[in-house]
Structure formats: C-alpha cells, structure tokens
Amino acid sequence: MKPGIHPAYGPVVFRDRAANYAFLTRSTMTSDKTIEWVDGTTYPVVDVEISNVSHPFYTGTARVLDTAGRVERFERRYGRRGAN
C-alpha cells in the first residue's frame, strides 16, 4: 500500500446496543469512546443500531407480507373499479 493515503486499520469493538452484544474486529472506523475487552486490553468502541444478532432477517422474526391478500381486502372494502 502507498504510505500516507490510507486510514489507520486496527482493532475496534462494535457494540449492538439493542441486543447487548459486542464483537472485536479490525476496521478503519475510529471513536473517542473506549471499552475494556475480555482480554484486558482497551479498544475503541463504535455503537451500532443493529447487527446480525438483532436484525429480524437473521433472528428469524422477519414477517413476509401477503401483498395479494392486501389487494383483495382493499378491493372488497372499496369495490373494484369498472373498466369504462
């Protein structure tokens, strides 16, 4: 890599606040907040809104919408428009 043009790449803890879950990885992200990891070392921590632990797709709580049923219910409620 060319020196001086790439951001620093190092260990960072990403913390999912919704699921109370954290994982240590390497990233170019930085933060002023720090956390002491289980190995006793202090790392920068980045809080995220959602991760694979709390995302509905990965947890199996995702719902599939029945779009055909919604259309039929709408047509029953408001009637079908005639072809004029």
C-alpha atoms as a PDB file:
ATOM      1  CA  MET A   1       0.000   0.000   0.000  1.00  0.00           C
ATOM      2  CA  LYS A   2       1.083   3.543  -0.638  1.00  0.00           C
ATOM      3  CA  PRO A   3       2.072   5.238   2.624  1.00  0.00           C
ATOM      4  CA  GLY A   4       0.145   8.280   3.808  1.00  0.00           C
ATOM      5  CA  ILE A   5      -3.057   7.863   1.770  1.00  0.00           C
ATOM      6  CA  HIS A   6      -4.885   5.093   3.650  1.00  0.00           C
ATOM      7  CA  PRO A   7      -6.650   5.428   7.031  1.00  0.00           C
ATOM      8  CA  ALA A   8      -5.295   3.522  10.010  1.00  0.00           C
ATOM      9  CA  TYR A   9      -6.569  -0.065  10.199  1.00  0.00           C
ATOM     10  CA  GLY A  10      -6.748  -1.583  13.642  1.00  0.00           C
ATOM     11  CA  PRO A  11      -8.822  -3.427  16.230  1.00  0.00           C
ATOM     12  CA  VAL A  12     -12.235  -1.929  17.069  1.00  0.00           C
ATOM     13  CA  VAL A  13     -15.150  -3.209  19.156  1.00  0.00           C
ATOM     14  CA  PHE A  14     -18.587  -2.872  17.574  1.00  0.00           C
ATOM     15  CA  ARG A  15     -21.411  -2.874  20.133  1.00  0.00           C
ATOM     16  CA  ASP A  16     -25.063  -3.536  19.311  1.00  0.00           C
ATOM     17  CA  ARG A  17     -26.951  -1.641  21.992  1.00  0.00           C
ATOM     18  CA  ALA A  18     -30.326  -3.228  21.134  1.00  0.00           C
ATOM     19  CA  ALA A  19     -29.113  -6.784  21.761  1.00  0.00           C
ATOM     20  CA  ASN A  20     -26.382  -6.056  24.326  1.00  0.00           C
ATOM     21  CA  TYR A  21     -23.842  -7.768  22.064  1.00  0.00           C
ATOM     22  CA  ALA A  22     -20.296  -6.737  21.145  1.00  0.00           C
ATOM     23  CA  PHE A  23     -17.629  -8.165  18.882  1.00  0.00           C
ATOM     24  CA  LEU A  24     -13.998  -7.346  18.244  1.00  0.00           C
ATOM     25  CA  THR A  25     -12.804  -6.952  14.671  1.00  0.00           C
ATOM     26  CA  ARG A  26     -10.437  -4.816  12.617  1.00  0.00           C
ATOM     27  CA  SER A  27     -11.691  -1.668  10.938  1.00  0.00           C
ATOM     28  CA  THR A  28     -10.739   1.815   9.793  1.00  0.00           C
ATOM     29  CA  MET A  29     -13.510   3.317  11.949  1.00  0.00           C
ATOM     30  CA  THR A  30     -12.450   5.299  14.983  1.00  0.00           C
ATOM     31  CA  SER A  31     -14.154   6.520  18.125  1.00  0.00           C
ATOM     32  CA  ASP A  32     -13.404   8.622  21.173  1.00  0.00           C
ATOM     33  CA  LYS A  33     -15.199   6.079  23.369  1.00  0.00           C
ATOM     34  CA  THR A  34     -13.247   3.089  24.634  1.00  0.00           C
ATOM     35  CA  ILE A  35     -14.106  -0.226  26.256  1.00  0.00           C
ATOM     36  CA  GLU A  36     -12.066  -2.785  28.129  1.00  0.00           C
ATOM     37  CA  TRP A  37     -12.364  -6.103  26.301  1.00  0.00           C
ATOM     38  CA  VAL A  38     -12.287  -9.543  27.949  1.00  0.00           C
ATOM     39  CA  ASP A  39      -8.551  -9.860  27.253  1.00  0.00           C
ATOM     40  CA  GLY A  40      -7.919  -6.796  29.443  1.00  0.00           C
ATOM     41  CA  THR A  41      -6.943  -4.517  26.536  1.00  0.00           C
ATOM     42  CA  THR A  42      -8.746  -1.234  25.921  1.00  0.00           C
ATOM     43  CA  TYR A  43     -10.135  -0.753  22.412  1.00  0.00           C
ATOM     44  CA  PRO A  44     -12.164   1.983  20.732  1.00  0.00           C
ATOM     45  CA  VAL A  45     -15.875   1.128  20.672  1.00  0.00           C
ATOM     46  CA  VAL A  46     -18.411   2.005  17.955  1.00  0.00           C
ATOM     47  CA  ASP A  47     -22.100   1.745  18.871  1.00  0.00           C
ATOM     48  CA  VAL A  48     -24.336   0.411  16.094  1.00  0.00           C
ATOM     49  CA  GLU A  49     -28.119   0.392  15.837  1.00  0.00           C
ATOM     50  CA  ILE A  50     -28.455  -3.138  14.519  1.00  0.00           C
ATOM     51  CA  SER A  51     -26.298  -6.195  13.912  1.00  0.00           C
ATOM     52  CA  ASN A  52     -26.797  -9.806  12.900  1.00  0.00           C
ATOM     53  CA  VAL A  53     -27.884 -10.569  16.473  1.00  0.00           C
ATOM     54  CA  SER A  54     -30.807  -8.119  16.473  1.00  0.00           C
ATOM     55  CA  HIS A  55     -31.748  -7.890  12.766  1.00  0.00           C
ATOM     56  CA  PRO A  56     -35.111  -9.573  12.030  1.00  0.00           C
ATOM     57  CA  PHE A  57     -33.779 -11.342   8.928  1.00  0.00           C
ATOM     58  CA  TYR A  58     -31.072 -13.142  10.880  1.00  0.00           C
ATOM     59  CA  THR A  59     -33.108 -13.801  14.018  1.00  0.00           C
ATOM     60  CA  GLY A  60     -35.977 -15.427  12.108  1.00  0.00           C
ATOM     61  CA  THR A  61     -38.584 -12.929  13.268  1.00  0.00           C
ATOM     62  CA  ALA A  62     -38.974 -11.392   9.805  1.00  0.00           C
ATOM     63  CA  ARG A  63     -42.540 -11.344   8.529  1.00  0.00           C
ATOM     64  CA  VAL A  64     -43.484 -11.861   4.917  1.00  0.00           C
ATOM     65  CA  LEU A  65     -46.312  -9.569   3.879  1.00  0.00           C
ATOM     66  CA  ASP A  66     -49.182 -11.087   1.960  1.00  0.00           C
ATOM     67  CA  THR A  67     -49.498  -8.485  -0.783  1.00  0.00           C
ATOM     68  CA  ALA A  68     -52.085 -10.443  -2.753  1.00  0.00           C
ATOM     69  CA  GLY A  69     -54.315 -10.683   0.324  1.00  0.00           C
ATOM     70  CA  ARG A  70     -53.985  -6.963   0.914  1.00  0.00           C
ATOM     71  CA  VAL A  71     -55.076  -6.169  -2.627  1.00  0.00           C
ATOM     72  CA  GLU A  72     -58.097  -8.461  -2.316  1.00  0.00           C
ATOM     73  CA  ARG A  73     -59.056  -6.922   1.021  1.00  0.00           C
ATOM     74  CA  PHE A  74     -58.775  -3.431  -0.489  1.00  0.00           C
ATOM     75  CA  GLU A  75     -60.988  -4.438  -3.413  1.00  0.00           C
ATOM     76  CA  ARG A  76     -63.603  -5.945  -1.066  1.00  0.00           C
ATOM     77  CA  ARG A  77     -63.622  -2.839   1.086  1.00  0.00           C
ATOM     78  CA  TYR A  78     -63.701  -0.182  -1.619  1.00  0.00           C
ATOM     79  CA  GLY A  79     -65.045  -2.130  -4.571  1.00  0.00           C
ATOM     80  CA  ARG A  80     -63.444  -2.891  -7.867  1.00  0.00           C
ATOM     81  CA  ARG A  81     -63.323  -0.135 -10.446  1.00  0.00           C
ATOM     82  CA  GLY A  82     -65.158  -0.931 -13.640  1.00  0.00           C
ATOM     83  CA  ALA A  83     -63.445  -0.840 -16.997  1.00  0.00           C
ATOM     84  CA  ASN A  84     -65.067   2.202 -18.649  1.00  0.00           C
END
